[in-house]
Amino acid sequence: MTRRHKLLDQLRNSPGNIRFSQVEALLKHEGFVLFNQRGSHRAYHRADGRVLTIVKPHGGRKTCHPSDIRKLLEALRHDNNA
């Protein structure tokens, strides 16, 4: 099992325990590039025109919000269906 598959399983099984560095690594592997940043909001785009905004945790939080993880999984699910 590759690192990507392990991370995807972790995203599906426990979306509340995912660090931003893991999300960022997966986005880069999937071809997303950071193109805009406003405070903690980071916008990524891909060559096919897909845009995804993820909020980087700040303050005492170390993990991403589960809704951001769901958005990421949805974007990757559309990629697998196409």
PDB file of N, CA and C in Angstrom:
ATOM      1  N   MET A   1       0.848  -1.177   0.000  1.00  0.00           N
ATOM      2  CA  MET A   1       0.000   0.000   0.000  1.00  0.00           C
ATOM      3  C   MET A   1       0.895   1.242   0.000  1.00  0.00           C
ATOM      4  N   THR A   2       0.614   2.150  -0.925  1.00  0.00           N
ATOM      5  CA  THR A   2       1.429   3.351  -1.040  1.00  0.00           C
ATOM      6  C   THR A   2       1.081   4.364   0.039  1.00  0.00           C
ATOM      7  N   ARG A   3       1.937   5.345   0.181  1.00  0.00           N
ATOM      8  CA  ARG A   3       1.707   6.402   1.174  1.00  0.00           C
ATOM      9  C   ARG A   3       0.421   7.170   0.859  1.00  0.00           C
ATOM     10  N   ARG A   4       0.171   7.382  -0.431  1.00  0.00           N
ATOM     11  CA  ARG A   4      -1.048   8.084  -0.851  1.00  0.00           C
ATOM     12  C   ARG A   4      -2.291   7.318  -0.410  1.00  0.00           C
ATOM     13  N   HIS A   5      -2.300   6.009  -0.607  1.00  0.00           N
ATOM     14  CA  HIS A   5      -3.457   5.201  -0.223  1.00  0.00           C
ATOM     15  C   HIS A   5      -3.652   5.188   1.286  1.00  0.00           C
ATOM     16  N   LYS A   6      -2.555   5.129   2.033  1.00  0.00           N
ATOM     17  CA  LYS A   6      -2.661   5.179   3.487  1.00  0.00           C
ATOM     18  C   LYS A   6      -3.253   6.503   3.951  1.00  0.00           C
ATOM     19  N   LEU A   7      -2.815   7.584   3.334  1.00  0.00           N
ATOM     20  CA  LEU A   7      -3.335   8.899   3.705  1.00  0.00           C
ATOM     21  C   LEU A   7      -4.805   9.039   3.334  1.00  0.00           C
ATOM     22  N   LEU A   8      -5.193   8.525   2.179  1.00  0.00           N
ATOM     23  CA  LEU A   8      -6.602   8.578   1.780  1.00  0.00           C
ATOM     24  C   LEU A   8      -7.473   7.771   2.742  1.00  0.00           C
ATOM     25  N   ASP A   9      -6.992   6.614   3.179  1.00  0.00           N
ATOM     26  CA  ASP A   9      -7.731   5.825   4.172  1.00  0.00           C
ATOM     27  C   ASP A   9      -7.871   6.593   5.481  1.00  0.00           C
ATOM     28  N   GLN A  10      -6.802   7.263   5.881  1.00  0.00           N
ATOM     29  CA  GLN A  10      -6.851   8.048   7.111  1.00  0.00           C
ATOM     30  C   GLN A  10      -7.827   9.220   6.964  1.00  0.00           C
ATOM     31  N   LEU A  11      -7.855   9.847   5.797  1.00  0.00           N
ATOM     32  CA  LEU A  11      -8.796  10.945   5.552  1.00  0.00           C
ATOM     33  C   LEU A  11     -10.238  10.462   5.681  1.00  0.00           C
ATOM     34  N   ARG A  12     -10.520   9.289   5.134  1.00  0.00           N
ATOM     35  CA  ARG A  12     -11.878   8.752   5.176  1.00  0.00           C
ATOM     36  C   ARG A  12     -12.278   8.292   6.571  1.00  0.00           C
ATOM     37  N   ASN A  13     -11.350   7.652   7.288  1.00  0.00           N
ATOM     38  CA  ASN A  13     -11.679   7.037   8.561  1.00  0.00           C
ATOM     39  C   ASN A  13     -11.663   7.999   9.740  1.00  0.00           C
ATOM     40  N   SER A  14     -10.768   8.972   9.740  1.00  0.00           N
ATOM     41  CA  SER A  14     -10.709   9.912  10.868  1.00  0.00           C
ATOM     42  C   SER A  14     -10.395  11.318  10.360  1.00  0.00           C
ATOM     43  N   PRO A  15     -11.392  11.985   9.763  1.00  0.00           N
ATOM     44  CA  PRO A  15     -11.140  13.312   9.182  1.00  0.00           C
ATOM     45  C   PRO A  15     -10.817  14.383  10.216  1.00  0.00           C
ATOM     46  N   GLY A  16     -11.043  14.129  11.489  1.00  0.00           N
ATOM     47  CA  GLY A  16     -10.747  15.125  12.509  1.00  0.00           C
ATOM     48  C   GLY A  16      -9.316  15.084  13.008  1.00  0.00           C
ATOM     49  N   ASN A  17      -8.519  14.137  12.534  1.00  0.00           N
ATOM     50  CA  ASN A  17      -7.149  13.977  13.016  1.00  0.00           C
ATOM     51  C   ASN A  17      -6.111  14.145  11.917  1.00  0.00           C
ATOM     52  N   ILE A  18      -6.378  15.015  10.958  1.00  0.00           N
ATOM     53  CA  ILE A  18      -5.479  15.195   9.823  1.00  0.00           C
ATOM     54  C   ILE A  18      -4.763  16.537   9.957  1.00  0.00           C
ATOM     55  N   ARG A  19      -3.458  16.497   9.903  1.00  0.00           N
ATOM     56  CA  ARG A  19      -2.663  17.726   9.974  1.00  0.00           C
ATOM     57  C   ARG A  19      -2.606  18.396   8.604  1.00  0.00           C
ATOM     58  N   PHE A  20      -2.406  19.705   8.628  1.00  0.00           N
ATOM     59  CA  PHE A  20      -2.359  20.461   7.389  1.00  0.00           C
ATOM     60  C   PHE A  20      -1.202  20.002   6.498  1.00  0.00           C
ATOM     61  N   SER A  21      -0.083  19.626   7.089  1.00  0.00           N
ATOM     62  CA  SER A  21       1.064  19.182   6.290  1.00  0.00           C
ATOM     63  C   SER A  21       0.720  17.931   5.477  1.00  0.00           C
ATOM     64  N   GLN A  22      -0.116  17.056   6.040  1.00  0.00           N
ATOM     65  CA  GLN A  22      -0.543  15.866   5.308  1.00  0.00           C
ATOM     66  C   GLN A  22      -1.440  16.248   4.140  1.00  0.00           C
ATOM     67  N   VAL A  23      -2.350  17.189   4.375  1.00  0.00           N
ATOM     68  CA  VAL A  23      -3.256  17.654   3.322  1.00  0.00           C
ATOM     69  C   VAL A  23      -2.453  18.315   2.207  1.00  0.00           C
ATOM     70  N   GLU A  24      -1.510  19.154   2.598  1.00  0.00           N
ATOM     71  CA  GLU A  24      -0.696  19.865   1.615  1.00  0.00           C
ATOM     72  C   GLU A  24       0.122  18.886   0.762  1.00  0.00           C
ATOM     73  N   ALA A  25       0.676  17.857   1.373  1.00  0.00           N
ATOM     74  CA  ALA A  25       1.446  16.861   0.629  1.00  0.00           C
ATOM     75  C   ALA A  25       0.562  16.122  -0.372  1.00  0.00           C
ATOM     76  N   LEU A  26      -0.654  15.772   0.046  1.00  0.00           N
ATOM     77  CA  LEU A  26      -1.570  15.079  -0.856  1.00  0.00           C
ATOM     78  C   LEU A  26      -1.986  15.989  -2.012  1.00  0.00           C
ATOM     79  N   LEU A  27      -2.254  17.251  -1.718  1.00  0.00           N
ATOM     80  CA  LEU A  27      -2.633  18.191  -2.776  1.00  0.00           C
ATOM     81  C   LEU A  27      -1.521  18.322  -3.815  1.00  0.00           C
ATOM     82  N   LYS A  28      -0.295  18.436  -3.361  1.00  0.00           N
ATOM     83  CA  LYS A  28       0.830  18.539  -4.302  1.00  0.00           C
ATOM     84  C   LYS A  28       0.961  17.278  -5.130  1.00  0.00           C
ATOM     85  N   HIS A  29       0.767  16.123  -4.506  1.00  0.00           N
ATOM     86  CA  HIS A  29       0.857  14.853  -5.231  1.00  0.00           C
ATOM     87  C   HIS A  29      -0.238  14.741  -6.283  1.00  0.00           C
ATOM     88  N   GLU A  30      -1.401  15.294  -5.997  1.00  0.00           N
ATOM     89  CA  GLU A  30      -2.532  15.227  -6.929  1.00  0.00           C
ATOM     90  C   GLU A  30      -2.490  16.322  -7.993  1.00  0.00           C
ATOM     91  N   GLY A  31      -1.476  17.179  -7.973  1.00  0.00           N
ATOM     92  CA  GLY A  31      -1.314  18.181  -9.019  1.00  0.00           C
ATOM     93  C   GLY A  31      -1.872  19.551  -8.684  1.00  0.00           C
ATOM     94  N   PHE A  32      -2.278  19.772  -7.460  1.00  0.00           N
ATOM     95  CA  PHE A  32      -2.767  21.083  -7.051  1.00  0.00           C
ATOM     96  C   PHE A  32      -1.595  21.987  -6.710  1.00  0.00           C
ATOM     97  N   VAL A  33      -1.720  23.274  -7.055  1.00  0.00           N
ATOM     98  CA  VAL A  33      -0.674  24.258  -6.819  1.00  0.00           C
ATOM     99  C   VAL A  33      -1.276  25.420  -6.044  1.00  0.00           C
ATOM    100  N   LEU A  34      -0.575  25.894  -5.017  1.00  0.00           N
ATOM    101  CA  LEU A  34      -1.024  27.045  -4.247  1.00  0.00           C
ATOM    102  C   LEU A  34      -0.948  28.276  -5.138  1.00  0.00           C
ATOM    103  N   PHE A  35      -2.074  29.001  -5.293  1.00  0.00           N
ATOM    104  CA  PHE A  35      -2.033  30.193  -6.125  1.00  0.00           C
ATOM    105  C   PHE A  35      -2.509  31.436  -5.399  1.00  0.00           C
ATOM    106  N   ASN A  36      -3.124  31.306  -4.230  1.00  0.00           N
ATOM    107  CA  ASN A  36      -3.576  32.488  -3.504  1.00  0.00           C
ATOM    108  C   ASN A  36      -3.651  32.162  -2.026  1.00  0.00           C
ATOM    109  N   GLN A  37      -3.299  33.153  -1.211  1.00  0.00           N
ATOM    110  CA  GLN A  37      -3.367  32.970   0.230  1.00  0.00           C
ATOM    111  C   GLN A  37      -3.857  34.266   0.860  1.00  0.00           C
ATOM    112  N   ARG A  38      -4.903  34.169   1.654  1.00  0.00           N
ATOM    113  CA  ARG A  38      -5.448  35.301   2.397  1.00  0.00           C
ATOM    114  C   ARG A  38      -5.554  34.879   3.850  1.00  0.00           C
ATOM    115  N   GLY A  39      -4.616  35.296   4.659  1.00  0.00           N
ATOM    116  CA  GLY A  39      -4.627  34.882   6.052  1.00  0.00           C
ATOM    117  C   GLY A  39      -4.417  33.389   6.146  1.00  0.00           C
ATOM    118  N   SER A  40      -5.375  32.702   6.761  1.00  0.00           N
ATOM    119  CA  SER A  40      -5.250  31.251   6.907  1.00  0.00           C
ATOM    120  C   SER A  40      -5.896  30.488   5.761  1.00  0.00           C
ATOM    121  N   HIS A  41      -6.573  31.176   4.848  1.00  0.00           N
ATOM    122  CA  HIS A  41      -7.229  30.512   3.717  1.00  0.00           C
ATOM    123  C   HIS A  41      -6.229  30.348   2.574  1.00  0.00           C
ATOM    124  N   ARG A  42      -6.071  29.114   2.142  1.00  0.00           N
ATOM    125  CA  ARG A  42      -5.148  28.811   1.050  1.00  0.00           C
ATOM    126  C   ARG A  42      -5.937  28.241  -0.116  1.00  0.00           C
ATOM    127  N   ALA A  43      -5.789  28.857  -1.270  1.00  0.00           N
ATOM    128  CA  ALA A  43      -6.500  28.411  -2.465  1.00  0.00           C
ATOM    129  C   ALA A  43      -5.525  27.686  -3.387  1.00  0.00           C
ATOM    130  N   TYR A  44      -5.928  26.511  -3.806  1.00  0.00           N
ATOM    131  CA  TYR A  44      -5.127  25.675  -4.697  1.00  0.00           C
ATOM    132  C   TYR A  44      -5.901  25.482  -6.000  1.00  0.00           C
ATOM    133  N   HIS A  45      -5.173  25.397  -7.095  1.00  0.00           N
ATOM    134  CA  HIS A  45      -5.829  25.087  -8.367  1.00  0.00           C
ATOM    135  C   HIS A  45      -5.039  24.011  -9.078  1.00  0.00           C
ATOM    136  N   ARG A  46      -5.688  23.443 -10.067  1.00  0.00           N
ATOM    137  CA  ARG A  46      -5.094  22.362 -10.844  1.00  0.00           C
ATOM    138  C   ARG A  46      -5.247  22.680 -12.322  1.00  0.00           C
ATOM    139  N   ALA A  47      -4.491  22.021 -13.151  1.00  0.00           N
ATOM    140  CA  ALA A  47      -4.478  22.299 -14.586  1.00  0.00           C
ATOM    141  C   ALA A  47      -5.849  22.103 -15.231  1.00  0.00           C
ATOM    142  N   ASP A  48      -6.698  21.229 -14.665  1.00  0.00           N
ATOM    143  CA  ASP A  48      -8.018  21.002 -15.242  1.00  0.00           C
ATOM    144  C   ASP A  48      -9.029  22.080 -14.838  1.00  0.00           C
ATOM    145  N   GLY A  49      -8.579  23.089 -14.079  1.00  0.00           N
ATOM    146  CA  GLY A  49      -9.451  24.201 -13.709  1.00  0.00           C
ATOM    147  C   GLY A  49     -10.106  24.067 -12.347  1.00  0.00           C
ATOM    148  N   ARG A  50      -9.897  22.960 -11.678  1.00  0.00           N
ATOM    149  CA  ARG A  50     -10.497  22.748 -10.360  1.00  0.00           C
ATOM    150  C   ARG A  50      -9.805  23.638  -9.326  1.00  0.00           C
ATOM    151  N   VAL A  51     -10.607  24.302  -8.478  1.00  0.00           N
ATOM    152  CA  VAL A  51     -10.090  25.171  -7.424  1.00  0.00           C
ATOM    153  C   VAL A  51     -10.590  24.643  -6.087  1.00  0.00           C
ATOM    154  N   LEU A  52      -9.716  24.635  -5.091  1.00  0.00           N
ATOM    155  CA  LEU A  52     -10.042  24.119  -3.769  1.00  0.00           C
ATOM    156  C   LEU A  52      -9.436  25.053  -2.731  1.00  0.00           C
ATOM    157  N   THR A  53     -10.242  25.466  -1.747  1.00  0.00           N
ATOM    158  CA  THR A  53      -9.763  26.331  -0.679  1.00  0.00           C
ATOM    159  C   THR A  53      -9.754  25.542   0.625  1.00  0.00           C
ATOM    160  N   ILE A  54      -8.607  25.553   1.289  1.00  0.00           N
ATOM    161  CA  ILE A  54      -8.414  24.861   2.563  1.00  0.00           C
ATOM    162  C   ILE A  54      -7.971  25.899   3.588  1.00  0.00           C
ATOM    163  N   VAL A  55      -8.510  25.791   4.800  1.00  0.00           N
ATOM    164  CA  VAL A  55      -8.127  26.699   5.874  1.00  0.00           C
ATOM    165  C   VAL A  55      -7.019  26.046   6.684  1.00  0.00           C
ATOM    166  N   LYS A  56      -5.878  26.751   6.777  1.00  0.00           N
ATOM    167  CA  LYS A  56      -4.770  26.246   7.578  1.00  0.00           C
ATOM    168  C   LYS A  56      -5.075  26.512   9.047  1.00  0.00           C
ATOM    169  N   PRO A  57      -4.990  25.487   9.891  1.00  0.00           N
ATOM    170  CA  PRO A  57      -5.280  25.694  11.310  1.00  0.00           C
ATOM    171  C   PRO A  57      -4.276  26.655  11.938  1.00  0.00           C
ATOM    172  N   HIS A  58      -4.749  27.440  12.888  1.00  0.00           N
ATOM    173  CA  HIS A  58      -3.873  28.386  13.561  1.00  0.00           C
ATOM    174  C   HIS A  58      -4.267  28.459  15.037  1.00  0.00           C
ATOM    175  N   GLY A  59      -3.483  29.163  15.802  1.00  0.00           N
ATOM    176  CA  GLY A  59      -3.743  29.213  17.237  1.00  0.00           C
ATOM    177  C   GLY A  59      -3.343  27.893  17.869  1.00  0.00           C
ATOM    178  N   GLY A  60      -4.183  27.341  18.703  1.00  0.00           N
ATOM    179  CA  GLY A  60      -3.893  26.084  19.380  1.00  0.00           C
ATOM    180  C   GLY A  60      -4.229  24.845  18.576  1.00  0.00           C
ATOM    181  N   ARG A  61      -4.903  25.012  17.440  1.00  0.00           N
ATOM    182  CA  ARG A  61      -5.302  23.854  16.633  1.00  0.00           C
ATOM    183  C   ARG A  61      -4.132  23.327  15.825  1.00  0.00           C
ATOM    184  N   LYS A  62      -4.066  22.040  15.706  1.00  0.00           N
ATOM    185  CA  LYS A  62      -3.025  21.392  14.901  1.00  0.00           C
ATOM    186  C   LYS A  62      -3.616  20.650  13.713  1.00  0.00           C
ATOM    187  N   THR A  63      -4.923  20.398  13.745  1.00  0.00           N
ATOM    188  CA  THR A  63      -5.550  19.588  12.695  1.00  0.00           C
ATOM    189  C   THR A  63      -6.520  20.430  11.871  1.00  0.00           C
ATOM    190  N   CYS A  64      -6.750  19.989  10.648  1.00  0.00           N
ATOM    191  CA  CYS A  64      -7.683  20.668   9.749  1.00  0.00           C
ATOM    192  C   CYS A  64      -9.118  20.374  10.169  1.00  0.00           C
ATOM    193  N   HIS A  65     -10.012  21.255   9.784  1.00  0.00           N
ATOM    194  CA  HIS A  65     -11.427  21.068  10.081  1.00  0.00           C
ATOM    195  C   HIS A  65     -11.971  19.929   9.213  1.00  0.00           C
ATOM    196  N   PRO A  66     -12.817  19.082   9.789  1.00  0.00           N
ATOM    197  CA  PRO A  66     -13.365  17.956   9.013  1.00  0.00           C
ATOM    198  C   PRO A  66     -14.106  18.374   7.745  1.00  0.00           C
ATOM    199  N   SER A  67     -14.710  19.555   7.718  1.00  0.00           N
ATOM    200  CA  SER A  67     -15.405  19.992   6.497  1.00  0.00           C
ATOM    201  C   SER A  67     -14.415  20.232   5.365  1.00  0.00           C
ATOM    202  N   ASP A  68     -13.217  20.719   5.679  1.00  0.00           N
ATOM    203  CA  ASP A  68     -12.193  20.885   4.650  1.00  0.00           C
ATOM    204  C   ASP A  68     -11.729  19.539   4.120  1.00  0.00           C
ATOM    205  N   ILE A  69     -11.647  18.557   4.998  1.00  0.00           N
ATOM    206  CA  ILE A  69     -11.260  17.209   4.582  1.00  0.00           C
ATOM    207  C   ILE A  69     -12.323  16.613   3.672  1.00  0.00           C
ATOM    208  N   ARG A  70     -13.590  16.844   3.999  1.00  0.00           N
ATOM    209  CA  ARG A  70     -14.682  16.351   3.135  1.00  0.00           C
ATOM    210  C   ARG A  70     -14.623  17.009   1.763  1.00  0.00           C
ATOM    211  N   LYS A  71     -14.327  18.321   1.704  1.00  0.00           N
ATOM    212  CA  LYS A  71     -14.191  19.003   0.415  1.00  0.00           C
ATOM    213  C   LYS A  71     -13.055  18.397  -0.405  1.00  0.00           C
ATOM    214  N   LEU A  72     -11.950  18.091   0.256  1.00  0.00           N
ATOM    215  CA  LEU A  72     -10.811  17.487  -0.423  1.00  0.00           C
ATOM    216  C   LEU A  72     -11.162  16.108  -0.964  1.00  0.00           C
ATOM    217  N   LEU A  73     -11.810  15.299  -0.150  1.00  0.00           N
ATOM    218  CA  LEU A  73     -12.209  13.956  -0.600  1.00  0.00           C
ATOM    219  C   LEU A  73     -13.188  14.036  -1.759  1.00  0.00           C
ATOM    220  N   GLU A  74     -14.102  14.990  -1.717  1.00  0.00           N
ATOM    221  CA  GLU A  74     -15.065  15.164  -2.807  1.00  0.00           C
ATOM    222  C   GLU A  74     -14.343  15.548  -4.103  1.00  0.00           C
ATOM    223  N   ALA A  75     -13.364  16.444  -4.012  1.00  0.00           N
ATOM    224  CA  ALA A  75     -12.607  16.848  -5.201  1.00  0.00           C
ATOM    225  C   ALA A  75     -11.830  15.664  -5.769  1.00  0.00           C
ATOM    226  N   LEU A  76     -11.268  14.848  -4.897  1.00  0.00           N
ATOM    227  CA  LEU A  76     -10.519  13.685  -5.375  1.00  0.00           C
ATOM    228  C   LEU A  76     -11.437  12.592  -5.901  1.00  0.00           C
ATOM    229  N   ARG A  77     -12.640  12.483  -5.350  1.00  0.00           N
ATOM    230  CA  ARG A  77     -13.614  11.491  -5.819  1.00  0.00           C
ATOM    231  C   ARG A  77     -14.058  11.822  -7.239  1.00  0.00           C
ATOM    232  N   HIS A  78     -14.276  13.123  -7.533  1.00  0.00           N
ATOM    233  CA  HIS A  78     -14.647  13.514  -8.885  1.00  0.00           C
ATOM    234  C   HIS A  78     -13.527  13.170  -9.863  1.00  0.00           C
ATOM    235  N   ASP A  79     -12.303  13.280  -9.404  1.00  0.00           N
ATOM    236  CA  ASP A  79     -11.161  12.978 -10.254  1.00  0.00           C
ATOM    237  C   ASP A  79     -11.147  11.489 -10.611  1.00  0.00           C
ATOM    238  N   ASN A  80     -11.468  10.630  -9.652  1.00  0.00           N
ATOM    239  CA  ASN A  80     -11.449   9.182  -9.899  1.00  0.00           C
ATOM    240  C   ASN A  80     -12.610   8.731 -10.780  1.00  0.00           C
ATOM    241  N   ASN A  81     -13.744   9.446 -10.744  1.00  0.00           N
ATOM    242  CA  ASN A  81     -14.904   9.074 -11.547  1.00  0.00           C
ATOM    243  C   ASN A  81     -14.755   9.503 -12.998  1.00  0.00           C
ATOM    244  N   ALA A  82     -13.941  10.499 -13.259  1.00  0.00           N
ATOM    245  CA  ALA A  82     -13.807  11.018 -14.620  1.00  0.00           C
ATOM    246  C   ALA A  82     -12.957  10.136 -15.485  1.00  0.00           C
TER     247      ALA A  82
END
